[in-house]
Amino acid sequence: MFLNNLVSQNPAFARAAIELHQSGELPPDTYVIDLDMLGINAETLCGEAHRLGLDVIAMTKQFGRNPVALEKLRASGVDSFVAVDMTCARAIRDADQPVGHIGHLVQIPRHSAPEAAAMAPQNWTVFDDTKAAEAAAAAAAIGRDQRLLARVYDEDGLVIETHAGGFDADDIEAVAQRLDALEGAHFGGITSYPALVFDREAHKVVPSPNLRTLSRAVERLHKAGWTDVAVNGPGETSTVNLAMLADAGVTQVEPGHGFTATGAYHAFAELPERPAMLYLSEVSHLDGDTAFCFGGGLYLCIGSVDYQPQALVGADYETAVKQRVDATLSQNHQVIDFYGRLAQTPQRSLRPGDSVVFCFRAQAFYTRSLVAPVSGIQSGNPRVEGLFTVDGRKVSV
């Protein structure tokens, strides 16, 4: 799965992580970013997106809104960044990067609307008229005219219950008129989530019903006279899926795992992107036939495929790549992941202090881990560019 890709497609990354851990430069419970590979992936993805006329608004939560990674992505062709919540928006702002999209997936709290408006977001998604009025009032108070995106759905759509909401697509013309009538804002487009989904049986990315909803809604808007309509289509974005979105009328894409090659689709096909993020830990102690490694970030995203988690374990890369062991992780989220459990080898060769390398579909912002961007891996000169919290603040450890 993802660990296979790491070893076969970017072994220099795994080697560098282990060496930097053994030298004390990287602590356990750290998401490590290969900045070189992140930039290569972004150049590939953004190049194809721009060829198709798509704006690239990068998702940042999966790598902990890291400011060094944001800078690398921007230099590699990303147009702007999507903030999944206000913490994310503040990290983007503090890194002096453009806020391309707020309000989707998480709506902006009422009393945070003025702060959000001051960030001059290029797109602000609203789920209903109340949230639209709050955004418009905040923008009007500082003399802005905010572009609003209406999240739309229909009865055949795919709804994620934990963040449901939006306008009925059958009423899109009336919705557009109401948003256009607001002082301080105007109707700028539509969005839905997810536009693409991973088919676990076919092992490929396919259009969700929501993509068809977006296509029908934009056709109606064009016929009604709205010619400049942004169509935001997030979800399961890779270089190879961009044409599918463009053909459906999408104008904005929001890759996240596409940049780090940790989307579910990467596990089953050799795609243009190569692994650029891993999770690093350390064997803490042994208990019988089990080795315990430090946790804190052992959260495998629910959008991932089902598989047996494994890790590379050893004090050097040559040893670790031969010691791929099964891992037992707390995935019911009712038990704090103080540790992960590793199956001891028949030779009982796992030892305290060994480096532990995982690769999975991560959501660093959800964890209490550190994030470490590392430059120079692909040229053989790895350099840790700092240690950061998952909300983008640099720390010393």
Protein backbone atom coordinates (compact mmCIF):
# COMPACT_ATOMS: atom_id res chain seq x y z
CA MET A 1 0.00 0.00 0.00
CA PHE A 2 1.36 3.45 0.87
CA LEU A 3 4.47 1.99 2.49
CA ASN A 4 5.12 -0.01 -0.70
CA ASN A 5 5.02 3.22 -2.69
CA LEU A 6 7.38 4.94 -0.26
CA VAL A 7 9.98 2.19 -0.59
CA SER A 8 9.65 1.77 -4.36
CA GLN A 9 9.09 5.37 -5.44
CA ASN A 10 10.97 7.49 -2.87
CA PRO A 11 13.41 5.38 -0.84
CA ALA A 12 15.68 8.40 -0.31
CA PHE A 13 12.89 9.94 1.77
CA ALA A 14 12.60 6.96 4.13
CA ARG A 15 16.37 6.78 4.43
CA ALA A 16 16.68 10.48 5.26
CA ALA A 17 13.93 10.30 7.89
CA ILE A 18 15.64 7.41 9.67
CA GLU A 19 19.08 9.03 9.55
CA LEU A 20 17.75 12.35 10.83
CA HIS A 21 15.92 10.56 13.64
CA GLN A 22 18.98 8.54 14.64
CA SER A 23 21.08 11.72 14.72
CA GLY A 24 18.53 13.40 17.00
CA GLU A 25 17.45 16.03 14.46
CA LEU A 26 13.93 14.62 14.13
CA PRO A 27 11.92 13.52 17.19
CA PRO A 28 9.30 10.77 17.18
CA ASP A 29 5.63 11.63 16.65
CA THR A 30 6.53 13.80 13.67
CA TYR A 31 5.02 14.11 10.23
CA VAL A 32 7.95 14.57 7.88
CA ILE A 33 7.55 16.37 4.55
CA ASP A 34 9.91 15.83 1.61
CA LEU A 35 9.93 19.40 0.30
CA ASP A 36 11.71 18.48 -2.92
CA MET A 37 9.13 15.85 -3.83
CA LEU A 38 6.27 18.08 -2.69
CA GLY A 39 7.46 20.68 -5.18
CA ILE A 40 7.86 18.15 -7.99
CA ASN A 41 4.34 16.81 -7.39
CA ALA A 42 2.91 20.35 -7.31
CA GLU A 43 4.64 21.35 -10.53
CA THR A 44 3.19 18.29 -12.27
CA LEU A 45 -0.33 18.73 -10.91
CA CYS A 46 -0.50 22.52 -11.32
CA GLY A 47 0.95 22.35 -14.81
CA GLU A 48 -1.85 20.05 -15.96
CA ALA A 49 -4.51 22.00 -14.06
CA HIS A 50 -3.49 25.31 -15.61
CA ARG A 51 -3.36 23.70 -19.07
CA LEU A 52 -7.02 22.78 -18.53
CA GLY A 53 -7.90 26.27 -17.25
CA LEU A 54 -8.35 25.21 -13.63
CA ASP A 55 -7.44 27.28 -10.58
CA VAL A 56 -5.52 25.30 -7.96
CA ILE A 57 -6.54 26.06 -4.37
CA ALA A 58 -4.43 23.79 -2.20
CA MET A 59 -5.78 22.02 0.89
CA THR A 60 -3.40 22.40 3.81
CA LYS A 61 -4.84 20.48 6.75
CA GLN A 62 -3.32 17.09 5.95
CA PHE A 63 0.24 18.42 6.39
CA GLY A 64 -0.58 20.64 9.34
CA ARG A 65 -0.81 24.02 7.54
CA ASN A 66 2.97 24.09 7.50
CA PRO A 67 4.30 27.50 6.38
CA VAL A 68 7.42 26.10 4.70
CA ALA A 69 5.29 23.63 2.73
CA LEU A 70 2.89 26.44 1.79
CA GLU A 71 5.81 28.46 0.41
CA LYS A 72 7.06 25.47 -1.60
CA LEU A 73 3.60 24.82 -3.06
CA ARG A 74 3.12 28.46 -4.00
CA ALA A 75 6.51 28.55 -5.72
CA SER A 76 5.57 25.38 -7.59
CA GLY A 77 2.40 26.75 -9.16
CA VAL A 78 -0.38 26.72 -6.55
CA ASP A 79 -2.68 29.73 -6.96
CA SER A 80 -3.94 30.01 -3.38
CA PHE A 81 -4.93 27.95 -0.34
CA VAL A 82 -8.16 26.61 1.11
CA ALA A 83 -8.82 27.00 4.83
CA VAL A 84 -10.91 24.20 6.27
CA ASP A 85 -11.55 26.29 9.42
CA MET A 86 -10.47 29.54 11.05
CA THR A 87 -7.36 27.98 12.57
CA CYS A 88 -6.34 27.01 9.08
CA ALA A 89 -7.15 30.47 7.73
CA ARG A 90 -5.00 32.12 10.41
CA ALA A 91 -2.07 29.85 9.57
CA ILE A 92 -2.33 30.73 5.88
CA ARG A 93 -2.57 34.44 6.69
CA ASP A 94 0.34 34.30 9.12
CA ALA A 95 2.44 32.64 6.42
CA ASP A 96 1.65 35.60 4.11
CA GLN A 97 -0.10 33.37 1.61
CA PRO A 98 -3.39 34.07 -0.22
CA VAL A 99 -6.57 32.69 1.31
CA GLY A 100 -8.34 31.27 -1.72
CA HIS A 101 -11.35 29.66 -0.05
CA ILE A 102 -12.95 29.65 3.40
CA GLY A 103 -16.20 28.27 4.73
CA HIS A 104 -15.94 24.83 3.20
CA LEU A 105 -15.95 22.31 4.81
CA VAL A 106 -16.48 24.26 8.04
CA GLN A 107 -18.67 27.35 8.08
CA ILE A 108 -17.32 30.57 9.62
CA PRO A 109 -18.61 31.22 13.17
CA ARG A 110 -20.76 34.34 13.46
CA HIS A 111 -18.35 36.39 15.54
CA SER A 112 -15.38 35.32 13.41
CA ALA A 113 -16.89 36.75 10.24
CA PRO A 114 -15.16 40.16 10.61
CA GLU A 115 -11.79 38.47 11.08
CA ALA A 116 -12.43 36.26 8.05
CA ALA A 117 -13.48 39.22 5.90
CA ALA A 118 -10.28 41.06 6.80
CA MET A 119 -8.30 38.20 5.26
CA ALA A 120 -9.83 39.11 1.87
CA PRO A 121 -10.68 35.53 0.91
CA GLN A 122 -11.13 35.04 -2.80
CA ASN A 123 -14.05 32.65 -2.24
CA TRP A 124 -16.33 32.26 0.80
CA THR A 125 -18.72 29.30 0.85
CA VAL A 126 -22.07 29.64 2.60
CA PHE A 127 -24.57 26.91 3.42
CA ASP A 128 -27.67 29.10 3.93
CA ASP A 129 -28.99 32.67 3.83
CA THR A 130 -28.04 33.37 7.45
CA LYS A 131 -24.37 32.57 6.87
CA ALA A 132 -24.46 34.54 3.62
CA ALA A 133 -25.82 37.59 5.45
CA GLU A 134 -23.09 37.33 8.10
CA ALA A 135 -20.36 37.17 5.46
CA ALA A 136 -21.84 40.07 3.51
CA ALA A 137 -22.22 42.28 6.58
CA ALA A 138 -18.62 41.65 7.63
CA ALA A 139 -17.34 42.48 4.14
CA ALA A 140 -19.52 45.60 3.85
CA ALA A 141 -18.19 46.90 7.17
CA ILE A 142 -14.68 47.15 5.68
CA GLY A 143 -15.75 48.24 2.21
CA ARG A 144 -15.31 44.91 0.43
CA ASP A 145 -17.55 43.09 -1.99
CA GLN A 146 -17.18 39.42 -1.11
CA ARG A 147 -17.51 36.64 -3.66
CA LEU A 148 -19.79 33.96 -2.22
CA LEU A 149 -20.02 30.35 -3.29
CA ALA A 150 -23.27 28.53 -2.60
CA ARG A 151 -22.93 24.92 -1.56
CA VAL A 152 -25.58 22.98 -3.45
CA TYR A 153 -27.16 19.55 -3.15
CA ASP A 154 -30.04 17.61 -4.62
CA GLU A 155 -32.02 14.56 -3.56
CA ASP A 156 -29.68 12.20 -5.42
CA GLY A 157 -26.51 13.69 -3.98
CA LEU A 158 -23.89 12.16 -1.73
CA VAL A 159 -24.15 13.76 1.71
CA ILE A 160 -21.45 13.44 4.38
CA GLU A 161 -23.60 13.65 7.51
CA THR A 162 -20.88 15.15 9.71
CA HIS A 163 -20.76 18.31 7.59
CA ALA A 164 -24.06 18.38 5.73
CA GLY A 165 -25.74 21.58 4.62
CA GLY A 166 -26.37 23.76 1.61
CA PHE A 167 -28.95 25.05 -0.85
CA ASP A 168 -31.26 22.94 -2.98
CA ALA A 169 -29.80 22.96 -6.49
CA ASP A 170 -33.31 23.17 -7.95
CA ASP A 171 -33.53 26.69 -6.49
CA ILE A 172 -30.12 27.86 -7.68
CA GLU A 173 -31.41 30.83 -9.70
CA ALA A 174 -33.32 32.19 -6.71
CA VAL A 175 -30.30 31.57 -4.47
CA ALA A 176 -28.06 33.51 -6.86
CA GLN A 177 -30.53 36.41 -6.90
CA ARG A 178 -30.66 36.56 -3.10
CA LEU A 179 -26.87 36.53 -2.75
CA ASP A 180 -26.50 39.18 -5.45
CA ALA A 181 -28.92 41.40 -3.52
CA LEU A 182 -26.75 41.45 -0.38
CA GLU A 183 -24.80 44.59 0.42
CA GLY A 184 -21.13 43.66 0.67
CA ALA A 185 -21.30 40.44 -1.32
CA HIS A 186 -22.33 38.89 -4.59
CA PHE A 187 -23.05 35.44 -5.95
CA GLY A 188 -19.85 34.05 -7.42
CA GLY A 189 -20.35 30.35 -7.91
CA ILE A 190 -21.22 26.93 -6.56
CA THR A 191 -19.52 24.06 -4.78
CA SER A 192 -20.27 20.61 -3.40
CA TYR A 193 -18.34 17.91 -1.59
CA PRO A 194 -17.17 15.43 -2.64
CA ALA A 195 -17.14 15.89 -6.41
CA LEU A 196 -15.09 12.72 -6.89
CA VAL A 197 -15.01 9.57 -4.77
CA PHE A 198 -12.79 6.52 -4.56
CA ASP A 199 -14.55 3.32 -5.62
CA ARG A 200 -13.18 0.74 -3.19
CA GLU A 201 -14.25 -2.20 -5.35
CA ALA A 202 -13.02 -0.89 -8.69
CA HIS A 203 -9.96 0.75 -7.08
CA LYS A 204 -10.36 3.94 -9.05
CA VAL A 205 -11.69 7.47 -8.69
CA VAL A 206 -15.12 8.09 -10.18
CA PRO A 207 -17.54 11.04 -10.35
CA SER A 208 -19.89 11.34 -7.40
CA PRO A 209 -23.54 12.33 -7.90
CA ASN A 210 -22.49 15.76 -6.60
CA LEU A 211 -20.41 16.40 -9.73
CA ARG A 212 -23.51 15.90 -11.86
CA THR A 213 -25.38 18.26 -9.55
CA LEU A 214 -22.74 20.92 -10.10
CA SER A 215 -22.87 20.43 -13.88
CA ARG A 216 -26.66 20.75 -13.99
CA ALA A 217 -26.65 23.78 -11.70
CA VAL A 218 -24.07 25.70 -13.71
CA GLU A 219 -25.95 24.98 -16.94
CA ARG A 220 -29.08 26.48 -15.41
CA LEU A 221 -27.16 29.51 -14.21
CA HIS A 222 -25.66 30.12 -17.64
CA LYS A 223 -29.07 29.92 -19.26
CA ALA A 224 -30.43 32.38 -16.69
CA GLY A 225 -27.72 34.92 -17.47
CA TRP A 226 -24.98 34.26 -14.93
CA THR A 227 -21.96 33.85 -17.20
CA ASP A 228 -19.07 34.19 -14.74
CA VAL A 229 -19.69 31.27 -12.39
CA ALA A 230 -16.95 29.58 -10.39
CA VAL A 231 -17.47 25.84 -10.01
CA ASN A 232 -15.50 24.43 -7.10
CA GLY A 233 -15.05 20.65 -7.19
CA PRO A 234 -12.99 19.27 -4.26
CA GLY A 235 -12.27 15.66 -3.39
CA GLU A 236 -9.80 12.92 -4.46
CA THR A 237 -7.78 15.23 -6.71
CA SER A 238 -4.79 13.91 -8.63
CA THR A 239 -3.15 14.96 -11.88
CA VAL A 240 -4.87 12.10 -13.70
CA ASN A 241 -8.35 13.16 -12.51
CA LEU A 242 -8.20 16.81 -13.55
CA ALA A 243 -9.57 16.33 -17.07
CA MET A 244 -12.62 14.56 -15.62
CA LEU A 245 -13.37 17.61 -13.50
CA ALA A 246 -12.71 20.11 -16.29
CA ASP A 247 -15.00 18.20 -18.67
CA ALA A 248 -17.79 18.49 -16.09
CA GLY A 249 -17.44 22.28 -15.94
CA VAL A 250 -15.33 22.56 -12.78
CA THR A 251 -13.14 25.69 -12.66
CA GLN A 252 -11.48 25.27 -9.25
CA VAL A 253 -9.78 22.19 -7.77
CA GLU A 254 -8.51 21.65 -4.23
CA PRO A 255 -5.80 18.96 -4.12
CA GLY A 256 -4.39 17.95 -0.79
CA HIS A 257 -3.36 14.31 -0.69
CA GLY A 258 -2.55 14.65 -4.38
CA PHE A 259 0.49 16.71 -3.43
CA THR A 260 1.77 14.11 -0.96
CA ALA A 261 0.69 11.01 -2.94
CA THR A 262 -1.36 9.73 -0.03
CA GLY A 263 -4.78 9.61 -1.65
CA ALA A 264 -6.54 6.25 -1.67
CA TYR A 265 -6.06 6.10 -5.43
CA HIS A 266 -2.27 6.24 -5.02
CA ALA A 267 -2.36 2.89 -3.26
CA PHE A 268 -3.57 1.04 -6.36
CA ALA A 269 -1.97 2.77 -9.34
CA GLU A 270 1.35 4.29 -10.30
CA LEU A 271 0.35 7.93 -10.60
CA PRO A 272 2.49 10.97 -11.48
CA GLU A 273 2.78 12.00 -7.83
CA ARG A 274 5.26 10.24 -5.53
CA PRO A 275 5.23 10.00 -1.69
CA ALA A 276 6.14 13.28 0.00
CA MET A 277 4.91 12.74 3.58
CA LEU A 278 5.49 10.04 6.18
CA TYR A 279 4.97 9.56 9.91
CA LEU A 280 8.06 9.01 12.02
CA SER A 281 8.14 7.35 15.44
CA GLU A 282 10.53 5.45 17.68
CA VAL A 283 10.42 2.19 19.59
CA SER A 284 9.87 3.15 23.23
CA HIS A 285 9.94 -0.20 25.00
CA LEU A 286 9.20 -3.89 24.68
CA ASP A 287 6.51 -5.90 26.39
CA GLY A 288 6.65 -9.59 25.65
CA ASP A 289 6.21 -10.11 21.92
CA THR A 290 5.19 -6.51 21.33
CA ALA A 291 7.26 -3.42 20.70
CA PHE A 292 5.62 -0.13 21.60
CA CYS A 293 6.28 2.99 19.52
CA PHE A 294 5.39 6.54 20.47
CA GLY A 295 2.02 7.76 19.16
CA GLY A 296 0.25 11.08 18.90
CA GLY A 297 -0.37 11.08 15.16
CA LEU A 298 -1.55 7.54 14.54
CA TYR A 299 -4.76 8.66 12.89
CA LEU A 300 -5.55 6.98 9.59
CA CYS A 301 -8.06 9.14 7.72
CA ILE A 302 -11.53 7.63 7.29
CA GLY A 303 -11.29 8.24 3.56
CA SER A 304 -8.55 5.67 3.32
CA VAL A 305 -8.77 2.12 2.07
CA ASP A 306 -8.83 -0.81 4.49
CA TYR A 307 -5.50 -2.54 4.97
CA GLN A 308 -3.16 -3.91 7.61
CA PRO A 309 -0.99 -1.02 8.84
CA GLN A 310 2.71 -1.77 8.75
CA ALA A 311 5.90 0.05 9.63
CA LEU A 312 9.58 -0.08 8.75
CA VAL A 313 11.63 -0.51 11.93
CA GLY A 314 15.37 -0.25 12.44
CA ALA A 315 18.32 1.90 13.39
CA ASP A 316 19.32 2.31 9.72
CA TYR A 317 17.49 2.16 6.41
CA GLU A 318 18.98 -1.17 5.27
CA THR A 319 17.76 -2.86 8.44
CA ALA A 320 14.39 -1.12 8.49
CA VAL A 321 13.47 -1.93 4.90
CA LYS A 322 13.93 -5.63 5.72
CA GLN A 323 11.92 -5.32 8.95
CA ARG A 324 8.43 -4.48 7.80
CA VAL A 325 6.19 -5.40 10.71
CA ASP A 326 2.45 -5.34 11.34
CA ALA A 327 1.17 -2.53 13.52
CA THR A 328 -1.89 -2.38 15.78
CA LEU A 329 -3.24 1.17 16.09
CA SER A 330 -6.10 2.60 18.16
CA GLN A 331 -8.62 3.36 15.44
CA ASN A 332 -11.85 3.53 17.44
CA HIS A 333 -10.89 7.04 18.67
CA GLN A 334 -12.05 6.08 22.16
CA VAL A 335 -8.51 5.29 23.28
CA ILE A 336 -5.75 7.91 23.17
CA ASP A 337 -2.93 6.82 20.88
CA PHE A 338 -0.14 7.14 23.41
CA TYR A 339 1.52 4.23 21.62
CA GLY A 340 1.26 2.05 18.56
CA ARG A 341 1.98 -1.65 18.94
CA LEU A 342 4.43 -3.39 16.64
CA ALA A 343 4.73 -7.13 16.16
CA GLN A 344 8.17 -8.31 17.26
CA THR A 345 10.11 -10.17 14.56
CA PRO A 346 10.89 -13.90 14.95
CA GLN A 347 14.50 -12.88 15.56
CA ARG A 348 13.28 -10.51 18.32
CA SER A 349 15.33 -7.80 16.66
CA LEU A 350 13.17 -4.73 17.38
CA ARG A 351 14.91 -2.60 20.01
CA PRO A 352 14.19 0.59 21.96
CA GLY A 353 15.48 3.58 20.05
CA ASP A 354 14.81 2.05 16.63
CA SER A 355 13.28 4.38 14.06
CA VAL A 356 9.71 3.57 13.02
CA VAL A 357 8.42 4.74 9.63
CA PHE A 358 4.74 4.70 8.69
CA CYS A 359 3.12 5.95 5.50
CA PHE A 360 -0.64 6.42 5.40
CA ARG A 361 -3.40 8.84 4.48
CA ALA A 362 -2.82 11.39 7.21
CA GLN A 363 -4.71 14.33 8.68
CA ALA A 364 -1.98 16.03 10.68
CA PHE A 365 -4.22 18.89 11.82
CA TYR A 366 -6.31 16.40 13.82
CA THR A 367 -3.32 15.23 15.85
CA ARG A 368 -0.94 16.47 18.55
CA SER A 369 2.12 15.73 16.39
CA LEU A 370 4.92 17.92 15.11
CA VAL A 371 5.51 18.63 11.42
CA ALA A 372 9.01 18.77 9.97
CA PRO A 373 9.65 19.98 6.41
CA VAL A 374 12.96 18.64 5.09
CA SER A 375 14.72 20.08 2.05
CA GLY A 376 17.49 18.55 -0.06
CA ILE A 377 16.41 14.93 0.18
CA GLN A 378 16.39 14.36 -3.57
CA SER A 379 19.89 15.86 -3.94
CA GLY A 380 21.32 13.83 -1.08
CA ASN A 381 21.67 16.76 1.31
CA PRO A 382 18.71 16.57 3.71
CA ARG A 383 18.17 19.56 5.96
CA VAL A 384 15.43 19.96 8.58
CA GLU A 385 13.80 23.36 7.97
CA GLY A 386 12.31 23.54 11.44
CA LEU A 387 9.80 21.82 13.70
CA PHE A 388 6.24 23.12 13.72
CA THR A 389 2.94 22.53 15.48
CA VAL A 390 -0.01 21.37 13.41
CA ASP A 391 -1.33 24.94 13.29
CA GLY A 392 1.86 26.20 11.69
CA ARG A 393 3.80 27.63 14.65
CA LYS A 394 7.55 27.03 14.81
CA VAL A 395 8.76 25.39 18.03
CA SER A 396 11.99 24.34 19.69
CA VAL A 397 12.32 20.87 21.21
